């Protein structure tokens, strides 16, 4: 996830809120299209909790991404 955020942030602007949402949306799409990665993300979040998961991702867009990821754990 860290690599996806970094890669997409380098190739896409993240100045405005809309641009940030676009990058996060692309990361979510890539995770959702990889069931193994999605399962790992959900399991890591359940095992370590939200704050621990956020700390592992050192990226300014992590808080935006977390809203979607937390929704997966409730589904």
Protein backbone atom coordinates (compact mmCIF):
# COMPACT_ATOMS: atom_id res chain seq x y z
CA UNK A 1 0.00 0.00 0.00
CA UNK A 2 2.87 2.31 0.84
CA UNK A 3 4.38 1.69 -2.59
CA UNK A 4 1.06 2.26 -4.33
CA UNK A 5 0.54 5.56 -2.52
CA UNK A 6 4.04 6.75 -3.33
CA UNK A 7 3.90 5.64 -6.95
CA UNK A 8 0.52 7.23 -7.65
CA UNK A 9 1.42 10.41 -5.78
CA UNK A 10 4.48 10.82 -7.99
CA UNK A 11 2.54 10.35 -11.23
CA UNK A 12 -0.57 12.31 -10.18
CA UNK A 13 -0.91 15.74 -8.58
CA UNK A 14 -2.10 15.82 -4.96
CA UNK A 15 -2.51 19.55 -4.40
CA UNK A 16 -6.28 19.79 -4.12
CA UNK A 17 -8.70 17.65 -2.15
CA UNK A 18 -10.14 16.32 -5.40
CA UNK A 19 -6.69 15.27 -6.64
CA UNK A 20 -6.00 13.52 -3.33
CA UNK A 21 -9.30 11.65 -3.58
CA UNK A 22 -8.43 10.53 -7.11
CA UNK A 23 -5.11 9.05 -5.94
CA UNK A 24 -6.77 7.32 -2.98
CA UNK A 25 -9.50 6.00 -5.29
CA UNK A 26 -6.87 4.47 -7.57
CA UNK A 27 -5.17 2.81 -4.59
CA UNK A 28 -8.52 1.41 -3.43
CA UNK A 29 -9.21 0.07 -6.93
CA UNK A 30 -5.85 -1.70 -7.03
CA UNK A 31 -6.42 -3.24 -3.58
CA UNK A 32 -9.97 -4.34 -4.42
CA UNK A 33 -8.76 -5.96 -7.64
CA UNK A 34 -6.25 -8.04 -5.65
CA UNK A 35 -8.25 -10.24 -3.24
CA UNK A 36 -5.09 -11.53 -1.55
CA UNK A 37 -3.86 -8.01 -0.80
CA UNK A 38 -7.31 -6.92 0.37
CA UNK A 39 -7.50 -9.88 2.77
CA UNK A 40 -4.03 -9.07 4.12
CA UNK A 41 -5.02 -5.44 4.67
CA UNK A 42 -8.21 -6.42 6.52
CA UNK A 43 -6.39 -8.98 8.67
CA UNK A 44 -3.61 -6.53 9.52
CA UNK A 45 -6.14 -3.90 10.50
CA UNK A 46 -8.09 -6.34 12.68
CA UNK A 47 -4.93 -7.66 14.33
CA UNK A 48 -3.19 -4.37 15.03
CA UNK A 49 -5.94 -1.79 15.08
CA UNK A 50 -6.43 1.40 13.15
CA UNK A 51 -3.72 3.50 14.78
CA UNK A 52 -1.05 0.81 14.42
CA UNK A 53 -2.01 0.35 10.77
CA UNK A 54 -1.76 4.10 10.14
CA UNK A 55 1.68 4.20 11.72
CA UNK A 56 2.96 1.56 9.29
CA UNK A 57 1.92 3.74 6.36
CA UNK A 58 4.03 6.86 6.25
CA UNK A 59 2.08 8.91 3.73
CA UNK A 60 -0.01 12.10 3.93
CA UNK A 61 -2.99 10.43 2.22
CA UNK A 62 -3.26 7.58 4.73
CA UNK A 63 -6.10 9.21 6.69
CA UNK A 64 -8.25 9.51 3.58
CA UNK A 65 -7.52 5.89 2.64
CA UNK A 66 -8.32 4.61 6.13
CA UNK A 67 -12.01 5.50 5.88
CA UNK A 68 -12.42 3.01 3.05
CA UNK A 69 -10.25 0.34 4.63
CA UNK A 70 -12.14 0.58 7.92
CA UNK A 71 -15.37 0.07 5.97
CA UNK A 72 -14.03 -3.24 4.66
CA UNK A 73 -13.58 -4.57 8.19
CA UNK A 74 -17.21 -3.82 8.99
CA UNK A 75 -18.53 -5.58 5.88
